[in-house]
Amino acid sequence: MIAADSFKECLTAPEACQAMAEGIKKGFPGAETVLAPMADGGEGTVEALVAAKDGRIVKDTVMGPSGHQEVEAIFGLVDNDQTAVIETAEASGIALLAKEERKPLTTTSYGTGQQIKQALDLGAKRIIIGLGGSVTNDGGAGIFQALGARFLDENGEELPLGGGALARLAKIDIGTLDSRLKDVQVIAASDVTNPLTGENGASAVFGPQKRASETDVEKLDKALHNFANVIKQDLGKDVEHLPGAGAAGGIGAGLMAFSNCELKNGAELVIDEIGLKDQVADADYVITGEGKIDFQTKFGKTPFAVAQVAQAAGKPTFAIGGSLGDGIDSLYDAGFTAIFGTISQPGDLKEVLAHGKENVERTSENLARVLYAGLQ
C-alpha cells in the first residue's frame, strides 16, 4: 500500500506514489502495489480526492486575492458531483501574488467564495474546503461577500474587500446571503489549531508570512477582534477563540460563523474520504512519505496519520522523505518501522529537485530489495 503526500516543488502526490511503485516493482518481483495519493487539506487535496474517488475537475476564472485581477482556479467534484473539494490556495493563495504584491490589509478571499457559489450551482450538497496556503487575512469575509452577505460600517455603507476594513465593521446583513448554504454540509480541512486573534492568532502567527509588518499585524488583529464581536452580536456565534478559527487568515472563523461547518484534521479527513483503513487492512506493507520528514511529522502531517492507521492494523510502515531532519528517532515509537532519505549525494536544491523522481524510485527499489530478500 503506497500512500504518500507530495514532495513540494518536485513531485505531486500521484507522481510520488507512482515513482515509489516503479521502484518497488524493480526490487520486488511480482509485488502488487495499490496507490493512494495523500494530502493534508492543503495543496494537493483536490487532486488526491478526485483521483481516489474517480471525480472530475472544474476550472473557472474568479477574482484573485489582490481584488484587482482574475485568476484561473480549479476545484473537484466527487461522489457523483454531490461533494465539492476546494482549496483556498487556488483562488486566494500566496503563490498567486509576487512578494511585493502581498498586502494582507487588502487581500481578499472573494474568489474562494465564487468557487463555493459555482459548486452550489452545480448541485453540490457537501463542500470540503482545504485551508492552507492563503495570502489573505480577512477572516473569510470575502468568501461571504461573494455569496451575498453585506458588511456595513456605522453609516450603513458596505465595506471594501480585505481584512483591514473589518476594523470599521458595525453590522452584518445576511438577508441576501445565498440561502443554499443552510442546507449544505461544510467540512474545513486543516492541521492548524490557532484561534482567530491574540498572540497565537491568525494575524500574529501567519501575517508575517504574508508580508504583514508589525504595524499591519496589530491593525489586522484588532480588525479580526472587531469582526468576531460583530459576528457574536449579529449572528449569535462566538468564534474568536475556537481552535482552528485562525486557519487560512481566519477563514476557519468565517466558515464556522456563516455556514454549517465542521473542522477536521486534513490528513485524517483524506484518510476517511478515500477509505484508507480498509485498503491498509489488505496490505502486507505500507509505504508513505513526503518532501521532508523530521520531529514535526508527528504533529498532524500526512505520513504520521498514515502510520497511525497502519499501526492500528498491525502493518509494517516505511517512510521515504526527500530529506530527513532532526528528531526522526522520535517517530519509531509512533508507528514507523523505518525511515529513508532519498538524497544520494550532495548538491544544491535545484539539482536535488531535478532528480527527485529517480531518487524516490531508487530508494523505493532498495527498500523493496530488502523486503524481498527477507522472504526468500
Protein backbone atom coordinates (compact mmCIF):
# COMPACT_ATOMS: atom_id res chain seq x y z
CA MET A 1 0.00 0.00 0.00
CA ILE A 2 1.57 3.27 -1.15
CA ALA A 3 0.07 6.36 0.48
CA ALA A 4 2.43 9.31 0.01
CA ASP A 5 1.92 13.06 0.05
CA SER A 6 3.59 15.44 -2.40
CA PHE A 7 7.29 16.27 -2.41
CA LYS A 8 6.96 20.06 -2.57
CA GLU A 9 8.33 21.76 -5.71
CA CYS A 10 9.31 18.34 -7.02
CA LEU A 11 6.58 15.66 -7.23
CA THR A 12 2.84 15.79 -6.81
CA ALA A 13 1.34 13.10 -4.57
CA PRO A 14 0.28 10.94 -7.56
CA GLU A 15 3.75 11.33 -9.10
CA ALA A 16 5.45 10.41 -5.83
CA CYS A 17 3.27 7.32 -5.40
CA GLN A 18 3.96 6.27 -8.99
CA ALA A 19 7.73 6.69 -8.56
CA MET A 20 7.59 4.53 -5.43
CA ALA A 21 5.57 1.89 -7.25
CA GLU A 22 8.06 1.75 -10.12
CA GLY A 23 10.94 1.30 -7.71
CA ILE A 24 9.17 -1.41 -5.73
CA LYS A 25 8.40 -3.42 -8.84
CA LYS A 26 12.10 -3.36 -9.78
CA GLY A 27 13.20 -4.66 -6.42
CA PHE A 28 10.34 -6.98 -5.50
CA PRO A 29 9.34 -9.25 -8.42
CA GLY A 30 5.62 -9.89 -8.55
CA ALA A 31 4.74 -7.28 -5.96
CA GLU A 32 1.24 -5.85 -6.19
CA THR A 33 1.03 -2.14 -5.45
CA VAL A 34 -2.06 -0.13 -4.59
CA LEU A 35 -1.65 3.65 -4.87
CA ALA A 36 -3.47 6.16 -2.68
CA PRO A 37 -2.11 9.70 -3.24
CA MET A 38 -2.48 11.64 0.00
CA ALA A 39 -2.85 15.23 1.16
CA ASP A 40 -3.32 17.06 4.45
CA GLY A 41 -6.02 19.53 3.48
CA GLY A 42 -3.59 21.89 1.78
CA GLU A 43 -2.08 21.75 -1.68
CA GLY A 44 -2.95 18.53 -3.49
CA THR A 45 -6.17 17.77 -1.61
CA VAL A 46 -8.33 18.30 -4.70
CA GLU A 47 -6.07 16.14 -6.83
CA ALA A 48 -5.88 13.36 -4.21
CA LEU A 49 -9.63 13.07 -3.66
CA VAL A 50 -10.54 13.38 -7.34
CA ALA A 51 -8.05 10.61 -8.18
CA ALA A 52 -9.18 8.33 -5.35
CA LYS A 53 -12.90 8.80 -5.92
CA ASP A 54 -12.97 8.98 -9.72
CA GLY A 55 -14.22 12.55 -9.69
CA ARG A 56 -13.75 15.45 -12.08
CA ILE A 57 -12.02 18.81 -12.14
CA VAL A 58 -13.92 22.06 -12.67
CA LYS A 59 -11.98 25.08 -13.92
CA ASP A 60 -13.18 28.67 -13.92
CA THR A 61 -11.99 32.27 -13.78
CA VAL A 62 -12.53 34.04 -10.44
CA MET A 63 -11.31 37.11 -8.60
CA GLY A 64 -7.71 36.79 -7.44
CA PRO A 65 -6.59 37.67 -3.92
CA SER A 66 -5.48 41.20 -4.80
CA GLY A 67 -9.06 42.05 -5.76
CA HIS A 68 -7.77 43.67 -8.96
CA GLN A 69 -7.10 40.73 -11.23
CA GLU A 70 -8.77 37.46 -12.20
CA VAL A 71 -7.16 34.05 -11.87
CA GLU A 72 -7.92 30.62 -13.26
CA ALA A 73 -8.76 28.26 -10.41
CA ILE A 74 -9.89 24.66 -10.13
CA PHE A 75 -11.92 22.60 -7.70
CA GLY A 76 -13.03 18.99 -7.68
CA LEU A 77 -16.39 17.24 -7.78
CA VAL A 78 -16.68 13.70 -6.39
CA ASP A 79 -19.43 11.39 -5.16
CA ASN A 80 -21.44 11.84 -8.37
CA ASP A 81 -20.98 15.63 -8.14
CA GLN A 82 -22.58 15.71 -4.68
CA THR A 83 -19.32 16.70 -2.93
CA ALA A 84 -17.15 19.65 -3.97
CA VAL A 85 -13.48 19.80 -2.92
CA ILE A 86 -12.00 23.29 -2.82
CA GLU A 87 -8.53 24.51 -1.80
CA THR A 88 -8.23 28.10 -0.55
CA ALA A 89 -4.82 28.25 -2.21
CA GLU A 90 -6.42 28.01 -5.65
CA ALA A 91 -8.22 31.37 -5.66
CA SER A 92 -6.78 33.00 -2.53
CA GLY A 93 -3.28 31.55 -2.43
CA ILE A 94 0.06 33.11 -1.60
CA ALA A 95 1.60 31.71 -4.79
CA LEU A 96 -0.76 33.87 -6.87
CA LEU A 97 0.95 37.11 -5.86
CA ALA A 98 4.54 38.24 -6.18
CA LYS A 99 6.14 39.16 -2.86
CA GLU A 100 5.71 42.89 -3.41
CA GLU A 101 2.01 42.39 -4.25
CA ARG A 102 1.16 40.72 -0.94
CA LYS A 103 -0.81 43.25 1.08
CA PRO A 104 -2.67 41.46 3.88
CA LEU A 105 -4.68 44.55 4.83
CA THR A 106 -6.47 44.41 1.48
CA THR A 107 -6.12 40.88 0.05
CA THR A 108 -9.41 39.03 -0.17
CA SER A 109 -10.85 35.52 -0.15
CA TYR A 110 -13.65 36.63 -2.53
CA GLY A 111 -12.51 34.22 -5.29
CA THR A 112 -12.90 31.23 -2.96
CA GLY A 113 -16.45 32.38 -2.33
CA GLN A 114 -17.06 32.43 -6.08
CA GLN A 115 -15.85 28.83 -6.25
CA ILE A 116 -18.27 27.84 -3.49
CA LYS A 117 -21.09 29.54 -5.39
CA GLN A 118 -20.21 27.64 -8.55
CA ALA A 119 -20.16 24.37 -6.61
CA LEU A 120 -23.65 25.16 -5.32
CA ASP A 121 -24.78 25.98 -8.87
CA LEU A 122 -23.53 22.54 -9.94
CA GLY A 123 -25.62 20.85 -7.27
CA ALA A 124 -23.08 20.10 -4.53
CA LYS A 125 -24.67 19.21 -1.20
CA ARG A 126 -21.41 18.85 0.68
CA ILE A 127 -18.30 21.04 0.44
CA ILE A 128 -14.82 20.17 1.65
CA ILE A 129 -12.54 23.20 1.91
CA GLY A 130 -8.81 22.75 2.37
CA LEU A 131 -7.49 25.61 4.48
CA GLY A 132 -3.88 26.21 3.57
CA GLY A 133 -1.56 28.42 1.59
CA SER A 134 -3.72 31.54 1.69
CA VAL A 135 -2.38 35.07 1.24
CA THR A 136 -5.43 36.62 2.89
CA ASN A 137 -6.15 37.81 6.43
CA ASP A 138 -9.82 38.75 6.08
CA GLY A 139 -11.45 36.17 8.34
CA GLY A 140 -13.21 34.70 5.31
CA ALA A 141 -15.27 37.89 4.93
CA GLY A 142 -14.51 37.94 1.20
CA ILE A 143 -15.96 34.46 0.78
CA PHE A 144 -19.29 35.55 2.18
CA GLN A 145 -19.27 38.87 0.36
CA ALA A 146 -19.12 36.76 -2.81
CA LEU A 147 -22.05 34.74 -1.50
CA GLY A 148 -24.23 37.78 -0.84
CA ALA A 149 -23.54 38.86 2.76
CA ARG A 150 -23.20 42.59 3.38
CA PHE A 151 -20.63 44.01 5.79
CA LEU A 152 -21.62 47.54 6.81
CA ASP A 153 -19.96 50.40 8.66
CA GLU A 154 -21.73 52.61 11.20
CA ASN A 155 -23.19 54.71 8.35
CA GLY A 156 -24.69 51.66 6.65
CA GLU A 157 -22.14 51.75 3.84
CA GLU A 158 -20.66 48.50 2.54
CA LEU A 159 -17.05 47.90 3.46
CA PRO A 160 -14.40 47.37 0.79
CA LEU A 161 -12.69 43.99 0.47
CA GLY A 162 -9.85 43.00 2.77
CA GLY A 163 -9.16 42.32 6.43
CA GLY A 164 -8.12 45.85 7.33
CA ALA A 165 -11.59 47.22 6.59
CA LEU A 166 -13.14 44.95 9.23
CA ALA A 167 -11.93 47.40 11.88
CA ARG A 168 -14.84 49.61 10.75
CA LEU A 169 -17.44 46.82 10.68
CA ALA A 170 -20.59 47.72 12.63
CA LYS A 171 -23.27 45.40 11.21
CA ILE A 172 -23.53 42.15 9.25
CA ASP A 173 -26.54 41.73 6.97
CA ILE A 174 -27.13 38.11 5.93
CA GLY A 175 -30.54 38.79 4.43
CA THR A 176 -29.09 38.42 0.94
CA LEU A 177 -26.68 35.57 1.79
CA ASP A 178 -27.07 32.59 -0.56
CA SER A 179 -29.87 30.58 1.08
CA ARG A 180 -28.47 27.28 -0.19
CA LEU A 181 -25.71 27.45 2.42
CA LYS A 182 -28.21 26.47 5.11
CA ASP A 183 -28.68 23.05 3.53
CA VAL A 184 -25.04 22.30 2.74
CA GLN A 185 -22.59 20.44 4.96
CA VAL A 186 -19.23 22.24 5.03
CA ILE A 187 -16.08 20.50 6.22
CA ALA A 188 -12.93 22.57 6.67
CA ALA A 189 -9.71 20.57 6.49
CA SER A 190 -6.69 21.91 8.37
CA ASP A 191 -3.99 20.90 10.83
CA VAL A 192 -3.94 24.42 12.30
CA THR A 193 -5.45 24.87 15.78
CA ASN A 194 -4.76 28.60 16.20
CA PRO A 195 -7.56 30.89 17.44
CA LEU A 196 -8.66 33.89 15.40
CA THR A 197 -6.92 36.58 17.46
CA GLY A 198 -4.23 37.12 20.06
CA GLU A 199 -0.58 36.15 20.23
CA ASN A 200 -1.34 32.76 18.67
CA GLY A 201 -3.96 34.10 16.26
CA ALA A 202 -4.12 34.35 12.50
CA SER A 203 -2.52 37.79 12.23
CA ALA A 204 0.33 37.34 14.71
CA VAL A 205 1.39 33.86 13.62
CA PHE A 206 0.72 33.81 9.90
CA GLY A 207 0.55 37.51 8.99
CA PRO A 208 4.33 38.00 8.69
CA GLN A 209 4.49 35.14 6.16
CA LYS A 210 2.08 37.19 4.04
CA ARG A 211 4.28 40.30 4.30
CA ALA A 212 2.46 41.94 7.19
CA SER A 213 4.61 44.41 9.12
CA GLU A 214 4.41 44.69 12.92
CA THR A 215 2.01 47.60 12.47
CA ASP A 216 -0.06 45.59 9.98
CA VAL A 217 -0.26 42.66 12.39
CA GLU A 218 -1.55 44.93 15.14
CA LYS A 219 -4.17 46.51 12.84
CA LEU A 220 -5.31 43.14 11.48
CA ASP A 221 -5.59 41.57 14.91
CA LYS A 222 -7.78 44.44 16.11
CA ALA A 223 -9.85 44.22 12.93
CA LEU A 224 -10.46 40.49 13.38
CA HIS A 225 -11.31 41.06 17.04
CA ASN A 226 -13.95 43.56 15.94
CA PHE A 227 -15.14 41.11 13.27
CA ALA A 228 -15.60 38.43 15.94
CA ASN A 229 -17.51 40.85 18.20
CA VAL A 230 -19.93 41.80 15.41
CA ILE A 231 -20.40 38.14 14.48
CA LYS A 232 -21.31 37.43 18.10
CA GLN A 233 -23.63 40.44 18.17
CA ASP A 234 -25.46 39.82 14.89
CA LEU A 235 -25.14 36.06 14.32
CA GLY A 236 -25.04 34.81 17.90
CA LYS A 237 -21.87 32.77 17.39
CA ASP A 238 -18.68 33.13 19.44
CA VAL A 239 -15.87 32.02 17.13
CA GLU A 240 -12.93 34.16 18.25
CA HIS A 241 -11.16 31.61 20.42
CA LEU A 242 -12.25 28.35 18.81
CA PRO A 243 -9.37 26.03 17.80
CA GLY A 244 -8.80 26.36 14.05
CA ALA A 245 -10.57 29.72 13.77
CA GLY A 246 -7.27 31.30 12.72
CA ALA A 247 -6.63 28.89 9.85
CA ALA A 248 -6.05 30.47 6.42
CA GLY A 249 -6.07 34.04 7.69
CA GLY A 250 -9.20 33.48 9.76
CA ILE A 251 -11.23 31.69 7.08
CA GLY A 252 -11.80 28.98 9.68
CA ALA A 253 -13.69 31.50 11.82
CA GLY A 254 -15.72 32.80 8.88
CA LEU A 255 -16.81 29.31 7.83
CA MET A 256 -17.88 28.44 11.37
CA ALA A 257 -19.80 31.71 11.67
CA PHE A 258 -21.66 31.73 8.36
CA SER A 259 -22.15 28.05 7.48
CA ASN A 260 -22.77 24.62 8.96
CA CYS A 261 -19.06 23.96 9.24
CA GLU A 262 -17.09 21.24 10.96
CA LEU A 263 -13.30 21.49 11.28
CA LYS A 264 -11.30 18.31 10.78
CA ASN A 265 -7.63 17.42 10.67
CA GLY A 266 -6.76 17.49 6.97
CA ALA A 267 -4.83 14.22 6.73
CA GLU A 268 -7.42 12.34 8.76
CA LEU A 269 -10.19 13.70 6.56
CA VAL A 270 -8.46 12.48 3.39
CA ILE A 271 -7.88 9.08 5.02
CA ASP A 272 -11.59 8.80 5.80
CA GLU A 273 -12.70 10.03 2.39
CA ILE A 274 -10.63 7.54 0.41
CA GLY A 275 -11.26 4.59 2.74
CA LEU A 276 -7.57 4.09 3.52
CA LYS A 277 -8.22 1.96 6.61
CA ASP A 278 -9.93 -0.74 4.56
CA GLN A 279 -7.16 -0.68 1.96
CA VAL A 280 -4.41 -0.91 4.59
CA ALA A 281 -6.14 -3.93 6.13
CA ASP A 282 -5.47 -5.87 2.92
CA ALA A 283 -1.80 -4.84 2.64
CA ASP A 284 1.37 -6.60 3.76
CA TYR A 285 3.42 -3.40 3.89
CA VAL A 286 2.57 0.31 3.96
CA ILE A 287 4.82 2.93 2.39
CA THR A 288 4.28 6.65 2.90
CA GLY A 289 6.36 9.81 2.61
CA GLU A 290 6.67 13.48 1.67
CA GLY A 291 9.31 16.08 0.95
CA LYS A 292 10.73 16.36 4.46
CA ILE A 293 10.43 14.10 7.47
CA ASP A 294 11.52 15.25 10.94
CA PHE A 295 10.23 15.58 14.50
CA GLN A 296 7.38 17.82 13.25
CA THR A 297 5.97 14.94 11.21
CA LYS A 298 4.16 13.62 14.27
CA PHE A 299 2.20 16.84 14.65
CA GLY A 300 -0.57 16.05 12.17
CA LYS A 301 1.50 15.54 9.00
CA THR A 302 0.34 13.04 6.39
CA PRO A 303 2.99 10.32 6.93
CA PHE A 304 2.22 10.26 10.65
CA ALA A 305 -1.52 9.93 10.04
CA VAL A 306 -0.89 7.07 7.60
CA ALA A 307 1.47 5.37 10.09
CA GLN A 308 -1.20 5.55 12.78
CA VAL A 309 -3.67 3.75 10.53
CA ALA A 310 -1.08 1.12 9.66
CA GLN A 311 0.00 0.65 13.28
CA ALA A 312 -3.62 0.05 14.32
CA ALA A 313 -3.84 -2.63 11.64
CA GLY A 314 -0.52 -4.19 12.67
CA LYS A 315 1.21 -3.43 9.37
CA PRO A 316 4.91 -2.52 8.96
CA THR A 317 5.20 1.08 7.81
CA PHE A 318 8.08 2.63 5.90
CA ALA A 319 8.53 6.33 5.22
CA ILE A 320 10.51 7.89 2.38
CA GLY A 321 11.48 11.55 2.66
CA GLY A 322 13.17 13.88 0.22
CA SER A 323 15.25 14.95 3.20
CA LEU A 324 15.43 13.88 6.83
CA GLY A 325 15.58 16.43 9.63
CA ASP A 326 16.16 16.40 13.37
CA GLY A 327 14.33 14.08 15.71
CA ILE A 328 13.24 11.29 13.37
CA ASP A 329 14.12 8.78 16.12
CA SER A 330 11.00 10.01 17.94
CA LEU A 331 8.91 8.62 15.08
CA TYR A 332 9.83 4.99 15.62
CA ASP A 333 7.52 4.75 18.62
CA ALA A 334 4.76 6.37 16.59
CA GLY A 335 4.18 3.58 14.10
CA PHE A 336 7.16 3.88 11.73
CA THR A 337 9.20 0.72 11.12
CA ALA A 338 11.98 2.50 9.20
CA ILE A 339 12.57 5.88 7.57
CA PHE A 340 14.66 6.52 4.44
CA GLY A 341 16.05 9.69 2.87
CA THR A 342 16.33 9.87 -0.91
CA ILE A 343 19.32 12.16 -1.50
CA SER A 344 22.27 10.07 -2.66
CA GLN A 345 24.94 12.76 -2.97
CA PRO A 346 25.48 16.43 -2.09
CA GLY A 347 24.04 19.02 -4.46
CA ASP A 348 22.23 22.34 -4.47
CA LEU A 349 18.46 22.39 -4.03
CA LYS A 350 17.73 22.96 -7.71
CA GLU A 351 19.79 19.92 -8.67
CA VAL A 352 18.24 17.73 -5.98
CA LEU A 353 14.71 18.68 -7.04
CA ALA A 354 15.54 17.94 -10.68
CA HIS A 355 16.45 14.36 -9.74
CA GLY A 356 13.54 13.89 -7.33
CA LYS A 357 11.72 11.18 -9.26
CA GLU A 358 14.77 8.98 -9.81
CA ASN A 359 15.86 9.42 -6.19
CA VAL A 360 12.45 8.34 -4.87
CA GLU A 361 12.35 5.44 -7.32
CA ARG A 362 15.86 4.25 -6.39
CA THR A 363 15.17 4.48 -2.66
CA SER A 364 11.94 2.52 -3.09
CA GLU A 365 13.76 -0.15 -5.07
CA ASN A 366 16.38 -0.53 -2.33
CA LEU A 367 13.64 -0.86 0.29
CA ALA A 368 11.83 -3.42 -1.84
CA ARG A 369 15.01 -5.48 -2.31
CA VAL A 370 15.40 -5.75 1.47
CA LEU A 371 11.77 -6.85 1.87
CA TYR A 372 12.06 -9.36 -0.96
CA ALA A 373 15.29 -10.83 0.38
CA GLY A 374 13.66 -11.32 3.74
CA LEU A 375 11.02 -13.56 2.17
CA GLN A 376 13.47 -15.82 0.37
